[in-house]
Amino acid sequence: MKREINPSETSRAQAFNYWMKSPMPMVTITKTFDVTKIYKLSKQKGYKFNMLLCWHIGNYRHRNRLYC
């Protein structure tokens, strides 16, 4: 049995509306990243690329005390 979910009826409706109205993804607002080293590391070590990218962004924010 398939169940269809209407985003406007969920508890995350406001977040979904903000996401739908945003002109661009939040990461591209601040900076464009060269991900060559992260991509190579993910292939060498077998880590997920997205996991490494998220870790590096979070680490950069923490080191430079950038908080939204």
PDB file of N, CA and C in Angstrom:
ATOM      1  N   MET A   1       0.832  -1.174   0.000  1.00  0.00           N
ATOM      2  CA  MET A   1       0.000   0.000   0.000  1.00  0.00           C
ATOM      3  C   MET A   1       0.886   1.249   0.000  1.00  0.00           C
ATOM      4  N   LYS A   2       0.731   2.095  -0.998  1.00  0.00           N
ATOM      5  CA  LYS A   2       1.491   3.334  -1.074  1.00  0.00           C
ATOM      6  C   LYS A   2       0.761   4.431  -0.328  1.00  0.00           C
ATOM      7  N   ARG A   3       1.541   5.272   0.307  1.00  0.00           N
ATOM      8  CA  ARG A   3       0.978   6.380   1.048  1.00  0.00           C
ATOM      9  C   ARG A   3       1.570   7.681   0.536  1.00  0.00           C
ATOM     10  N   GLU A   4       0.737   8.604   0.166  1.00  0.00           N
ATOM     11  CA  GLU A   4       1.198   9.887  -0.340  1.00  0.00           C
ATOM     12  C   GLU A   4       1.180  10.898   0.801  1.00  0.00           C
ATOM     13  N   ILE A   5       2.259  11.657   0.926  1.00  0.00           N
ATOM     14  CA  ILE A   5       2.366  12.633   1.999  1.00  0.00           C
ATOM     15  C   ILE A   5       2.352  14.029   1.406  1.00  0.00           C
ATOM     16  N   ASN A   6       1.482  14.855   1.927  1.00  0.00           N
ATOM     17  CA  ASN A   6       1.411  16.251   1.515  1.00  0.00           C
ATOM     18  C   ASN A   6       2.298  17.061   2.464  1.00  0.00           C
ATOM     19  N   PRO A   7       3.354  17.714   1.959  1.00  0.00           N
ATOM     20  CA  PRO A   7       4.283  18.446   2.837  1.00  0.00           C
ATOM     21  C   PRO A   7       3.605  19.526   3.683  1.00  0.00           C
ATOM     22  N   SER A   8       2.538  20.121   3.182  1.00  0.00           N
ATOM     23  CA  SER A   8       1.886  21.186   3.946  1.00  0.00           C
ATOM     24  C   SER A   8       1.146  20.660   5.168  1.00  0.00           C
ATOM     25  N   GLU A   9       0.997  19.353   5.285  1.00  0.00           N
ATOM     26  CA  GLU A   9       0.306  18.759   6.425  1.00  0.00           C
ATOM     27  C   GLU A   9       1.265  18.126   7.443  1.00  0.00           C
ATOM     28  N   THR A  10       2.567  18.336   7.264  1.00  0.00           N
ATOM     29  CA  THR A  10       3.549  17.745   8.177  1.00  0.00           C
ATOM     30  C   THR A  10       4.056  18.784   9.168  1.00  0.00           C
ATOM     31  N   SER A  11       4.781  18.313  10.167  1.00  0.00           N
ATOM     32  CA  SER A  11       5.343  19.225  11.160  1.00  0.00           C
ATOM     33  C   SER A  11       6.502  20.033  10.583  1.00  0.00           C
ATOM     34  N   ARG A  12       7.016  19.617   9.439  1.00  0.00           N
ATOM     35  CA  ARG A  12       8.125  20.336   8.809  1.00  0.00           C
ATOM     36  C   ARG A  12       7.660  21.230   7.673  1.00  0.00           C
ATOM     37  N   ALA A  13       6.402  21.597   7.671  1.00  0.00           N
ATOM     38  CA  ALA A  13       5.827  22.377   6.567  1.00  0.00           C
ATOM     39  C   ALA A  13       6.534  23.718   6.381  1.00  0.00           C
ATOM     40  N   GLN A  14       6.833  24.419   7.461  1.00  0.00           N
ATOM     41  CA  GLN A  14       7.480  25.724   7.342  1.00  0.00           C
ATOM     42  C   GLN A  14       8.884  25.581   6.754  1.00  0.00           C
ATOM     43  N   ALA A  15       9.657  24.595   7.215  1.00  0.00           N
ATOM     44  CA  ALA A  15      10.992  24.364   6.673  1.00  0.00           C
ATOM     45  C   ALA A  15      10.919  23.998   5.193  1.00  0.00           C
ATOM     46  N   PHE A  16       9.934  23.191   4.840  1.00  0.00           N
ATOM     47  CA  PHE A  16       9.759  22.812   3.442  1.00  0.00           C
ATOM     48  C   PHE A  16       9.431  24.038   2.597  1.00  0.00           C
ATOM     49  N   ASN A  17       8.583  24.905   3.104  1.00  0.00           N
ATOM     50  CA  ASN A  17       8.222  26.123   2.357  1.00  0.00           C
ATOM     51  C   ASN A  17       9.429  27.026   2.158  1.00  0.00           C
ATOM     52  N   TYR A  18      10.259  27.189   3.200  1.00  0.00           N
ATOM     53  CA  TYR A  18      11.475  27.977   3.048  1.00  0.00           C
ATOM     54  C   TYR A  18      12.390  27.363   1.998  1.00  0.00           C
ATOM     55  N   TRP A  19      12.535  26.048   2.036  1.00  0.00           N
ATOM     56  CA  TRP A  19      13.397  25.351   1.072  1.00  0.00           C
ATOM     57  C   TRP A  19      12.891  25.531  -0.354  1.00  0.00           C
ATOM     58  N   MET A  20      11.576  25.423  -0.540  1.00  0.00           N
ATOM     59  CA  MET A  20      11.002  25.572  -1.883  1.00  0.00           C
ATOM     60  C   MET A  20      11.164  26.991  -2.423  1.00  0.00           C
ATOM     61  N   LYS A  21      11.167  27.974  -1.538  1.00  0.00           N
ATOM     62  CA  LYS A  21      11.260  29.373  -1.964  1.00  0.00           C
ATOM     63  C   LYS A  21      12.689  29.882  -2.060  1.00  0.00           C
ATOM     64  N   SER A  22      13.663  29.116  -1.567  1.00  0.00           N
ATOM     65  CA  SER A  22      15.041  29.612  -1.580  1.00  0.00           C
ATOM     66  C   SER A  22      15.553  29.691  -3.017  1.00  0.00           C
ATOM     67  N   PRO A  23      16.266  30.774  -3.348  1.00  0.00           N
ATOM     68  CA  PRO A  23      16.755  30.958  -4.708  1.00  0.00           C
ATOM     69  C   PRO A  23      17.900  30.030  -5.081  1.00  0.00           C
ATOM     70  N   MET A  24      18.652  29.539  -4.076  1.00  0.00           N
ATOM     71  CA  MET A  24      19.783  28.654  -4.337  1.00  0.00           C
ATOM     72  C   MET A  24      20.121  27.887  -3.068  1.00  0.00           C
ATOM     73  N   PRO A  25      20.846  26.781  -3.196  1.00  0.00           N
ATOM     74  CA  PRO A  25      21.248  26.042  -1.999  1.00  0.00           C
ATOM     75  C   PRO A  25      22.115  26.904  -1.078  1.00  0.00           C
ATOM     76  N   MET A  26      22.029  26.666   0.222  1.00  0.00           N
ATOM     77  CA  MET A  26      22.712  27.508   1.191  1.00  0.00           C
ATOM     78  C   MET A  26      24.233  27.476   1.063  1.00  0.00           C
ATOM     79  N   VAL A  27      24.823  26.373   0.691  1.00  0.00           N
ATOM     80  CA  VAL A  27      26.288  26.287   0.613  1.00  0.00           C
ATOM     81  C   VAL A  27      26.824  27.190  -0.476  1.00  0.00           C
ATOM     82  N   THR A  28      26.116  27.300  -1.604  1.00  0.00           N
ATOM     83  CA  THR A  28      26.618  28.123  -2.699  1.00  0.00           C
ATOM     84  C   THR A  28      26.482  29.611  -2.427  1.00  0.00           C
ATOM     85  N   ILE A  29      25.722  29.984  -1.408  1.00  0.00           N
ATOM     86  CA  ILE A  29      25.603  31.399  -1.071  1.00  0.00           C
ATOM     87  C   ILE A  29      26.932  31.938  -0.559  1.00  0.00           C
ATOM     88  N   THR A  30      27.633  31.167   0.238  1.00  0.00           N
ATOM     89  CA  THR A  30      28.844  31.663   0.880  1.00  0.00           C
ATOM     90  C   THR A  30      30.106  31.458   0.051  1.00  0.00           C
ATOM     91  N   LYS A  31      30.216  30.330  -0.604  1.00  0.00           N
ATOM     92  CA  LYS A  31      31.477  30.029  -1.265  1.00  0.00           C
ATOM     93  C   LYS A  31      31.313  28.840  -2.215  1.00  0.00           C
ATOM     94  N   THR A  32      32.103  28.823  -3.257  1.00  0.00           N
ATOM     95  CA  THR A  32      32.180  27.656  -4.126  1.00  0.00           C
ATOM     96  C   THR A  32      33.429  26.883  -3.719  1.00  0.00           C
ATOM     97  N   PHE A  33      33.273  25.604  -3.468  1.00  0.00           N
ATOM     98  CA  PHE A  33      34.364  24.792  -2.945  1.00  0.00           C
ATOM     99  C   PHE A  33      35.031  23.977  -4.036  1.00  0.00           C
ATOM    100  N   ASP A  34      36.361  23.849  -3.936  1.00  0.00           N
ATOM    101  CA  ASP A  34      37.110  22.917  -4.778  1.00  0.00           C
ATOM    102  C   ASP A  34      37.159  21.601  -4.006  1.00  0.00           C
ATOM    103  N   VAL A  35      36.446  20.614  -4.480  1.00  0.00           N
ATOM    104  CA  VAL A  35      36.302  19.360  -3.750  1.00  0.00           C
ATOM    105  C   VAL A  35      37.194  18.248  -4.298  1.00  0.00           C
ATOM    106  N   THR A  36      38.201  18.602  -5.093  1.00  0.00           N
ATOM    107  CA  THR A  36      39.077  17.604  -5.703  1.00  0.00           C
ATOM    108  C   THR A  36      39.759  16.721  -4.655  1.00  0.00           C
ATOM    109  N   LYS A  37      40.328  17.341  -3.608  1.00  0.00           N
ATOM    110  CA  LYS A  37      41.037  16.567  -2.579  1.00  0.00           C
ATOM    111  C   LYS A  37      40.080  15.669  -1.806  1.00  0.00           C
ATOM    112  N   ILE A  38      38.890  16.187  -1.527  1.00  0.00           N
ATOM    113  CA  ILE A  38      37.902  15.390  -0.794  1.00  0.00           C
ATOM    114  C   ILE A  38      37.446  14.209  -1.653  1.00  0.00           C
ATOM    115  N   TYR A  39      37.259  14.431  -2.940  1.00  0.00           N
ATOM    116  CA  TYR A  39      36.844  13.363  -3.846  1.00  0.00           C
ATOM    117  C   TYR A  39      37.916  12.261  -3.913  1.00  0.00           C
ATOM    118  N   LYS A  40      39.177  12.669  -4.048  1.00  0.00           N
ATOM    119  CA  LYS A  40      40.269  11.698  -4.104  1.00  0.00           C
ATOM    120  C   LYS A  40      40.366  10.906  -2.802  1.00  0.00           C
ATOM    121  N   LEU A  41      40.212  11.601  -1.666  1.00  0.00           N
ATOM    122  CA  LEU A  41      40.259  10.934  -0.371  1.00  0.00           C
ATOM    123  C   LEU A  41      39.131   9.911  -0.238  1.00  0.00           C
ATOM    124  N   SER A  42      37.943  10.268  -0.716  1.00  0.00           N
ATOM    125  CA  SER A  42      36.815   9.339  -0.623  1.00  0.00           C
ATOM    126  C   SER A  42      37.067   8.081  -1.453  1.00  0.00           C
ATOM    127  N   LYS A  43      37.720   8.231  -2.592  1.00  0.00           N
ATOM    128  CA  LYS A  43      38.032   7.068  -3.429  1.00  0.00           C
ATOM    129  C   LYS A  43      39.147   6.221  -2.823  1.00  0.00           C
ATOM    130  N   GLN A  44      40.163   6.874  -2.245  1.00  0.00           N
ATOM    131  CA  GLN A  44      41.298   6.149  -1.671  1.00  0.00           C
ATOM    132  C   GLN A  44      40.895   5.373  -0.414  1.00  0.00           C
ATOM    133  N   LYS A  45      40.163   6.006   0.464  1.00  0.00           N
ATOM    134  CA  LYS A  45      39.833   5.414   1.759  1.00  0.00           C
ATOM    135  C   LYS A  45      38.508   4.675   1.775  1.00  0.00           C
ATOM    136  N   GLY A  46      37.688   4.857   0.739  1.00  0.00           N
ATOM    137  CA  GLY A  46      36.399   4.182   0.687  1.00  0.00           C
ATOM    138  C   GLY A  46      35.312   4.855   1.512  1.00  0.00           C
ATOM    139  N   TYR A  47      35.540   6.131   1.881  1.00  0.00           N
ATOM    140  CA  TYR A  47      34.530   6.875   2.628  1.00  0.00           C
ATOM    141  C   TYR A  47      33.499   7.464   1.671  1.00  0.00           C
ATOM    142  N   LYS A  48      32.317   7.721   2.176  1.00  0.00           N
ATOM    143  CA  LYS A  48      31.287   8.370   1.371  1.00  0.00           C
ATOM    144  C   LYS A  48      31.681   9.824   1.142  1.00  0.00           C
ATOM    145  N   PHE A  49      31.577  10.288  -0.103  1.00  0.00           N
ATOM    146  CA  PHE A  49      31.951  11.655  -0.454  1.00  0.00           C
ATOM    147  C   PHE A  49      31.108  12.675   0.319  1.00  0.00           C
ATOM    148  N   ASN A  50      29.801  12.453   0.392  1.00  0.00           N
ATOM    149  CA  ASN A  50      28.914  13.393   1.060  1.00  0.00           C
ATOM    150  C   ASN A  50      29.253  13.515   2.544  1.00  0.00           C
ATOM    151  N   MET A  51      29.617  12.409   3.175  1.00  0.00           N
ATOM    152  CA  MET A  51      29.995  12.428   4.579  1.00  0.00           C
ATOM    153  C   MET A  51      31.244  13.282   4.784  1.00  0.00           C
ATOM    154  N   LEU A  52      32.250  13.110   3.937  1.00  0.00           N
ATOM    155  CA  LEU A  52      33.469  13.902   4.054  1.00  0.00           C
ATOM    156  C   LEU A  52      33.204  15.383   3.805  1.00  0.00           C
ATOM    157  N   LEU A  53      32.382  15.691   2.825  1.00  0.00           N
ATOM    158  CA  LEU A  53      32.070  17.078   2.504  1.00  0.00           C
ATOM    159  C   LEU A  53      31.361  17.745   3.685  1.00  0.00           C
ATOM    160  N   CYS A  54      30.391  17.078   4.261  1.00  0.00           N
ATOM    161  CA  CYS A  54      29.673  17.629   5.415  1.00  0.00           C
ATOM    162  C   CYS A  54      30.614  17.814   6.599  1.00  0.00           C
ATOM    163  N   TRP A  55      31.517  16.866   6.821  1.00  0.00           N
ATOM    164  CA  TRP A  55      32.457  16.982   7.924  1.00  0.00           C
ATOM    165  C   TRP A  55      33.378  18.190   7.731  1.00  0.00           C
ATOM    166  N   HIS A  56      33.881  18.371   6.503  1.00  0.00           N
ATOM    167  CA  HIS A  56      34.786  19.490   6.241  1.00  0.00           C
ATOM    168  C   HIS A  56      34.077  20.831   6.400  1.00  0.00           C
ATOM    169  N   ILE A  57      32.857  20.941   5.950  1.00  0.00           N
ATOM    170  CA  ILE A  57      32.101  22.187   6.108  1.00  0.00           C
ATOM    171  C   ILE A  57      31.863  22.470   7.588  1.00  0.00           C
ATOM    172  N   GLY A  58      31.453  21.463   8.331  1.00  0.00           N
ATOM    173  CA  GLY A  58      31.237  21.634   9.763  1.00  0.00           C
ATOM    174  C   GLY A  58      32.511  21.983  10.504  1.00  0.00           C
ATOM    175  N   ASN A  59      33.607  21.348  10.131  1.00  0.00           N
ATOM    176  CA  ASN A  59      34.897  21.619  10.755  1.00  0.00           C
ATOM    177  C   ASN A  59      35.345  23.052  10.467  1.00  0.00           C
ATOM    178  N   TYR A  60      35.156  23.511   9.256  1.00  0.00           N
ATOM    179  CA  TYR A  60      35.507  24.885   8.883  1.00  0.00           C
ATOM    180  C   TYR A  60      34.684  25.885   9.693  1.00  0.00           C
ATOM    181  N   ARG A  61      33.382  25.615   9.812  1.00  0.00           N
ATOM    182  CA  ARG A  61      32.515  26.498  10.583  1.00  0.00           C
ATOM    183  C   ARG A  61      32.941  26.537  12.045  1.00  0.00           C
ATOM    184  N   HIS A  62      33.291  25.388  12.592  1.00  0.00           N
ATOM    185  CA  HIS A  62      33.688  25.328  13.988  1.00  0.00           C
ATOM    186  C   HIS A  62      35.006  26.079  14.224  1.00  0.00           C
ATOM    187  N   ARG A  63      35.987  25.869  13.361  1.00  0.00           N
ATOM    188  CA  ARG A  63      37.297  26.516  13.511  1.00  0.00           C
ATOM    189  C   ARG A  63      37.192  28.024  13.364  1.00  0.00           C
ATOM    190  N   ASN A  64      36.321  28.491  12.485  1.00  0.00           N
ATOM    191  CA  ASN A  64      36.213  29.924  12.211  1.00  0.00           C
ATOM    192  C   ASN A  64      35.035  30.569  12.933  1.00  0.00           C
ATOM    193  N   ARG A  65      34.372  29.799  13.783  1.00  0.00           N
ATOM    194  CA  ARG A  65      33.239  30.282  14.586  1.00  0.00           C
ATOM    195  C   ARG A  65      32.186  30.989  13.748  1.00  0.00           C
ATOM    196  N   LEU A  66      31.813  30.341  12.656  1.00  0.00           N
ATOM    197  CA  LEU A  66      30.742  30.852  11.793  1.00  0.00           C
ATOM    198  C   LEU A  66      29.454  30.161  12.186  1.00  0.00           C
ATOM    199  N   TYR A  67      28.523  30.883  12.739  1.00  0.00           N
ATOM    200  CA  TYR A  67      27.260  30.308  13.162  1.00  0.00           C
ATOM    201  C   TYR A  67      26.126  31.049  12.486  1.00  0.00           C
ATOM    202  N   CYS A  68      25.156  30.285  12.052  1.00  0.00           N
ATOM    203  CA  CYS A  68      24.013  30.890  11.367  1.00  0.00           C
ATOM    204  C   CYS A  68      23.026  31.459  12.362  1.00  0.00           C
TER     205      CYS A  68
END
